[in-house]
C-alpha atoms as a PDB file:
ATOM      1  CA  MET A   1      -1.006  18.034  34.770  1.00  0.00           C
ATOM      2  CA  LYS A   2       2.198  15.616  36.737  1.00  0.00           C
ATOM      3  CA  SER A   3       0.275  12.620  36.667  1.00  0.00           C
ATOM      4  CA  LEU A   4      -0.931  13.216  33.446  1.00  0.00           C
ATOM      5  CA  LEU A   5       2.621  13.538  32.179  1.00  0.00           C
ATOM      6  CA  LEU A   6       3.669  10.370  34.532  1.00  0.00           C
ATOM      7  CA  ALA A   7       0.688   8.726  33.094  1.00  0.00           C
ATOM      8  CA  ALA A   8       1.996   9.231  29.224  1.00  0.00           C
ATOM      9  CA  ALA A   9       5.409   8.427  30.195  1.00  0.00           C
ATOM     10  CA  LEU A  10       4.454   4.837  31.289  1.00  0.00           C
ATOM     11  CA  LEU A  11       2.797   4.243  28.127  1.00  0.00           C
ATOM     12  CA  LEU A  12       4.735   5.734  25.587  1.00  0.00           C
ATOM     13  CA  PRO A  13       6.591   2.510  26.306  1.00  0.00           C
ATOM     14  CA  ALA A  14       3.584   0.073  25.560  1.00  0.00           C
ATOM     15  CA  ALA A  15       2.992   1.614  22.043  1.00  0.00           C
ATOM     16  CA  VAL A  16       6.377   2.064  20.778  1.00  0.00           C
ATOM     17  CA  SER A  17       6.714  -1.772  21.396  1.00  0.00           C
ATOM     18  CA  ALA A  18       3.578  -2.566  19.928  1.00  0.00           C
ATOM     19  CA  GLN A  19       4.784  -1.728  16.273  1.00  0.00           C
ATOM     20  CA  GLU A  20       5.386  -3.990  14.076  1.00  0.00           C
ATOM     21  CA  ALA A  21       8.831  -4.977  12.715  1.00  0.00           C
ATOM     22  CA  VAL A  22       9.007  -3.749   9.107  1.00  0.00           C
ATOM     23  CA  ASN A  23      11.714  -4.837   6.344  1.00  0.00           C
ATOM     24  CA  SER A  24      11.524  -2.695   2.955  1.00  0.00           C
ATOM     25  CA  GLY A  25      10.999  -5.152  -0.439  1.00  0.00           C
ATOM     26  CA  SER A  26      12.614  -4.483  -3.740  1.00  0.00           C
ATOM     27  CA  GLY A  27       9.119  -3.757  -5.295  1.00  0.00           C
ATOM     28  CA  ALA A  28       5.211  -5.370  -5.311  1.00  0.00           C
ATOM     29  CA  VAL A  29       2.914  -7.537  -6.842  1.00  0.00           C
ATOM     30  CA  LEU A  30      -0.489  -5.859  -7.810  1.00  0.00           C
ATOM     31  CA  ARG A  31      -3.436  -6.915  -9.032  1.00  0.00           C
ATOM     32  CA  ALA A  32      -5.961  -4.378 -11.316  1.00  0.00           C
ATOM     33  CA  LEU A  33      -8.954  -5.384 -12.354  1.00  0.00           C
ATOM     34  CA  ASP A  34     -11.000  -2.958 -15.549  1.00  0.00           C
ATOM     35  CA  LYS A  35     -14.437  -3.554 -14.143  1.00  0.00           C
ATOM     36  CA  LEU A  36     -15.899  -2.556 -17.516  1.00  0.00           C
ATOM     37  CA  ASN A  37     -14.510  -5.098 -19.359  1.00  0.00           C
ATOM     38  CA  ALA A  38     -13.683  -7.899 -16.307  1.00  0.00           C
ATOM     39  CA  LYS A  39     -10.191  -7.629 -17.145  1.00  0.00           C
ATOM     40  CA  VAL A  40      -8.102  -8.842 -14.697  1.00  0.00           C
ATOM     41  CA  GLY A  41      -4.426  -8.254 -14.544  1.00  0.00           C
ATOM     42  CA  ASP A  42      -1.409  -9.189 -12.110  1.00  0.00           C
ATOM     43  CA  PHE A  43       1.601  -7.120 -12.279  1.00  0.00           C
ATOM     44  CA  THR A  44       5.110  -6.053 -10.773  1.00  0.00           C
ATOM     45  CA  LEU A  45       6.951  -3.073 -10.225  1.00  0.00           C
ATOM     46  CA  ALA A  46       9.897  -2.252  -8.747  1.00  0.00           C
ATOM     47  CA  ASN A  47       9.713   0.500  -5.914  1.00  0.00           C
ATOM     48  CA  GLY A  48      10.020   3.903  -7.694  1.00  0.00           C
ATOM     49  CA  GLN A  49       8.658   2.211 -11.093  1.00  0.00           C
ATOM     50  CA  SER A  50       5.084   2.941 -12.720  1.00  0.00           C
ATOM     51  CA  GLU A  51       3.072   1.801 -14.870  1.00  0.00           C
ATOM     52  CA  ALA A  52       0.182   2.002 -17.069  1.00  0.00           C
ATOM     53  CA  MET A  53      -3.465  -0.403 -17.450  1.00  0.00           C
ATOM     54  CA  GLY A  54      -6.117   0.702 -19.279  1.00  0.00           C
ATOM     55  CA  LEU A  55      -6.849   5.109 -18.601  1.00  0.00           C
ATOM     56  CA  ILE A  56      -4.333   4.841 -15.178  1.00  0.00           C
ATOM     57  CA  GLU A  57      -0.852   4.658 -14.160  1.00  0.00           C
ATOM     58  CA  VAL A  58      -0.061   3.561 -11.223  1.00  0.00           C
ATOM     59  CA  SER A  59       3.258   4.076  -9.312  1.00  0.00           C
ATOM     60  CA  LEU A  60       4.962   2.666  -6.314  1.00  0.00           C
ATOM     61  CA  ARG A  61       7.103   4.358  -3.672  1.00  0.00           C
ATOM     62  CA  GLU A  62       7.552   1.697  -1.637  1.00  0.00           C
ATOM     63  CA  CYS A  63       6.851  -1.940  -0.376  1.00  0.00           C
ATOM     64  CA  ARG A  64       6.950  -3.024   3.611  1.00  0.00           C
ATOM     65  CA  TYR A  65       6.632  -6.606   5.062  1.00  0.00           C
ATOM     66  CA  PRO A  66       6.749  -7.408   8.539  1.00  0.00           C
ATOM     67  CA  VAL A  67      10.034  -9.082   9.407  1.00  0.00           C
ATOM     68  CA  ASP A  68       8.857 -12.728  10.147  1.00  0.00           C
ATOM     69  CA  ASP A  69       6.700 -12.775   7.454  1.00  0.00           C
ATOM     70  CA  PRO A  70       8.112 -11.852   4.055  1.00  0.00           C
ATOM     71  CA  THR A  71       5.198 -13.721   2.102  1.00  0.00           C
ATOM     72  CA  GLY A  72       2.338 -11.883   4.271  1.00  0.00           C
ATOM     73  CA  ASN A  73       0.718  -8.619   5.463  1.00  0.00           C
ATOM     74  CA  ALA A  74       2.319  -6.756   2.677  1.00  0.00           C
ATOM     75  CA  TYR A  75       1.758  -2.830   2.459  1.00  0.00           C
ATOM     76  CA  ALA A  76       2.626  -0.500  -0.525  1.00  0.00           C
ATOM     77  CA  PHE A  77       2.720   3.277  -0.813  1.00  0.00           C
ATOM     78  CA  LEU A  78       0.707   4.398  -3.895  1.00  0.00           C
ATOM     79  CA  THR A  79       0.039   6.980  -6.177  1.00  0.00           C
ATOM     80  CA  ILE A  80      -2.391   6.258  -8.695  1.00  0.00           C
ATOM     81  CA  ARG A  81      -3.363   8.672 -11.285  1.00  0.00           C
ATOM     82  CA  GLU A  82      -6.318   8.857 -14.407  1.00  0.00           C
ATOM     83  CA  ALA A  83      -5.052  10.079 -17.812  1.00  0.00           C
ATOM     84  CA  GLY A  84      -6.289  13.650 -18.307  1.00  0.00           C
ATOM     85  CA  VAL A  85      -6.770  14.710 -14.358  1.00  0.00           C
ATOM     86  CA  ALA A  86      -3.861  16.760 -12.666  1.00  0.00           C
ATOM     87  CA  GLN A  87      -4.680  15.228  -9.074  1.00  0.00           C
ATOM     88  CA  PRO A  88      -4.051  11.863  -8.117  1.00  0.00           C
ATOM     89  CA  VAL A  89      -6.903   9.200  -7.991  1.00  0.00           C
ATOM     90  CA  PHE A  90      -5.698   7.667  -5.257  1.00  0.00           C
ATOM     91  CA  GLN A  91      -2.474   8.408  -2.995  1.00  0.00           C
ATOM     92  CA  GLY A  92      -0.977   6.327   0.157  1.00  0.00           C
ATOM     93  CA  TRP A  93      -0.993   3.216   2.108  1.00  0.00           C
ATOM     94  CA  MET A  94      -2.892  -0.201   0.540  1.00  0.00           C
ATOM     95  CA  VAL A  95      -2.685  -3.034   2.633  1.00  0.00           C
ATOM     96  CA  ALA A  96      -2.723  -6.939   1.160  1.00  0.00           C
ATOM     97  CA  SER A  97      -4.894  -8.358   3.529  1.00  0.00           C
ATOM     98  CA  SER A  98      -7.632  -5.406   4.176  1.00  0.00           C
ATOM     99  CA  PRO A  99      -7.836  -3.832   0.860  1.00  0.00           C
ATOM    100  CA  ALA A 100     -10.832  -2.229   2.181  1.00  0.00           C
ATOM    101  CA  LEU A 101      -9.222  -0.236   4.442  1.00  0.00           C
ATOM    102  CA  ASN A 102      -8.089   2.960   2.441  1.00  0.00           C
ATOM    103  CA  PRO A 103      -9.088   1.735  -1.309  1.00  0.00           C
ATOM    104  CA  LEU A 104      -8.994   3.222  -4.853  1.00  0.00           C
ATOM    105  CA  ASP A 105     -12.539   4.407  -4.894  1.00  0.00           C
ATOM    106  CA  HIS A 106     -12.423   4.994  -8.858  1.00  0.00           C
ATOM    107  CA  PRO A 107     -15.537   4.182 -11.124  1.00  0.00           C
ATOM    108  CA  ARG A 108     -13.368   1.688 -13.706  1.00  0.00           C
ATOM    109  CA  TYR A 109     -10.958   0.112 -11.436  1.00  0.00           C
ATOM    110  CA  ASP A 110      -9.649  -1.383  -8.581  1.00  0.00           C
ATOM    111  CA  VAL A 111      -5.805  -1.545  -7.689  1.00  0.00           C
ATOM    112  CA  TRP A 112      -4.754  -3.512  -4.912  1.00  0.00           C
ATOM    113  CA  VAL A 113      -1.352  -5.153  -3.099  1.00  0.00           C
ATOM    114  CA  LEU A 114      -0.809  -8.776  -3.274  1.00  0.00           C
ATOM    115  CA  ARG A 115       2.556  -9.071  -1.593  1.00  0.00           C
ATOM    116  CA  CYS A 116       6.142  -7.745  -1.698  1.00  0.00           C
ATOM    117  CA  THR A 117       8.724  -8.437  -3.796  1.00  0.00           C
ATOM    118  CA  THR A 118      12.060  -9.532  -2.336  1.00  0.00           C
ATOM    119  CA  GLU A 119      15.276  -9.587  -5.177  1.00  0.00           C
END
């Protein structure tokens, strides 16, 4: 048991140092696709703001980006609701460089993060 605790203590600093340093952006630039009519639109949301697109409403809680690359790998916490549905159809982090990692699973709409805003 003692050796297990020692191994955990030695691995913990490596795990903490492997985390990427990030900054919070003032908002995010998102892209939405209406699959029914092939309409694509970009929109900018400030943190805490929501915007409707067709039958969905997208809310941004926060956008973060790597300290050394403000235009790089952004990730945003989004809540997406469909009109008339109490539960969100999506709630969680979306990553700009890997949109398939945690995608919106909706038959009509796709939404993904392009980048954070820093102004």
